[in-house]
Amino acid sequence: MEKRILKVSFFKSGSGSISPKLNLPKSFLDKINVNQEEREVEVIVNEDTQEIIIKKKK
């Protein structure tokens, strides 16, 4: 298992709303076989443990 500390970027739209963005390392996506042809992922938020889990959609 590999671990990295990443920063979330926040952008303000023209209407004034804030949108967060997170860039994942390509090496992480390579390890779960996410690529340009197969790019759907499932994102799970666990509020109890404050975790976000990203899985490749099967």
Protein backbone atom coordinates (compact mmCIF):
# COMPACT_ATOMS: atom_id res chain seq x y z
CA MET A 1 0.00 0.00 0.00
CA GLU A 2 1.27 3.45 -0.90
CA LYS A 3 0.37 6.61 0.98
CA ARG A 4 0.75 10.27 0.00
CA ILE A 5 -0.36 13.54 1.51
CA LEU A 6 -2.25 15.58 -1.11
CA LYS A 7 -3.80 19.05 -1.03
CA VAL A 8 -7.32 19.85 -2.13
CA SER A 9 -7.54 22.90 -4.41
CA PHE A 10 -10.52 25.25 -4.18
CA PHE A 11 -11.68 27.30 -7.16
CA LYS A 12 -14.26 30.07 -7.31
CA SER A 13 -16.58 30.03 -10.32
CA GLY A 14 -17.87 33.08 -12.13
CA SER A 15 -21.08 32.91 -10.10
CA GLY A 16 -19.10 32.88 -6.84
CA SER A 17 -19.59 29.23 -5.82
CA ILE A 18 -16.59 27.24 -4.58
CA SER A 19 -15.57 23.95 -6.25
CA PRO A 20 -12.98 21.63 -4.67
CA LYS A 21 -10.66 19.53 -6.84
CA LEU A 22 -8.21 16.77 -5.98
CA ASN A 23 -5.56 15.47 -8.37
CA LEU A 24 -4.70 11.80 -7.91
CA PRO A 25 -1.28 10.50 -8.91
CA LYS A 26 -1.40 8.55 -12.17
CA SER A 27 0.56 5.77 -10.50
CA PHE A 28 -2.38 5.22 -8.10
CA LEU A 29 -4.82 4.91 -11.01
CA ASP A 30 -2.44 2.60 -12.86
CA LYS A 31 -2.39 0.26 -9.85
CA ILE A 32 -6.19 -0.20 -10.00
CA ASN A 33 -6.25 -0.31 -13.83
CA VAL A 34 -8.09 2.97 -14.41
CA ASN A 35 -7.24 4.37 -17.84
CA GLN A 36 -8.75 6.46 -20.63
CA GLU A 37 -10.89 3.55 -21.89
CA GLU A 38 -11.96 2.25 -18.45
CA ARG A 39 -12.30 5.38 -16.32
CA GLU A 40 -15.39 4.85 -14.17
CA VAL A 41 -14.79 4.72 -10.44
CA GLU A 42 -17.05 4.31 -7.41
CA VAL A 43 -16.58 6.86 -4.60
CA ILE A 44 -17.75 5.98 -1.08
CA VAL A 45 -17.86 8.49 1.78
CA ASN A 46 -17.82 7.10 5.33
CA GLU A 47 -18.79 9.94 7.65
CA ASP A 48 -18.12 7.86 10.79
CA THR A 49 -14.44 7.27 9.97
CA GLN A 50 -14.06 10.42 7.82
CA GLU A 51 -12.77 8.36 4.90
CA ILE A 52 -13.31 8.61 1.16
CA ILE A 53 -12.78 5.32 -0.69
CA ILE A 54 -12.25 5.21 -4.44
CA LYS A 55 -12.75 1.87 -6.25
CA LYS A 56 -12.67 0.96 -9.90
CA LYS A 57 -16.20 0.25 -11.11
CA LYS A 58 -16.54 -3.39 -12.12
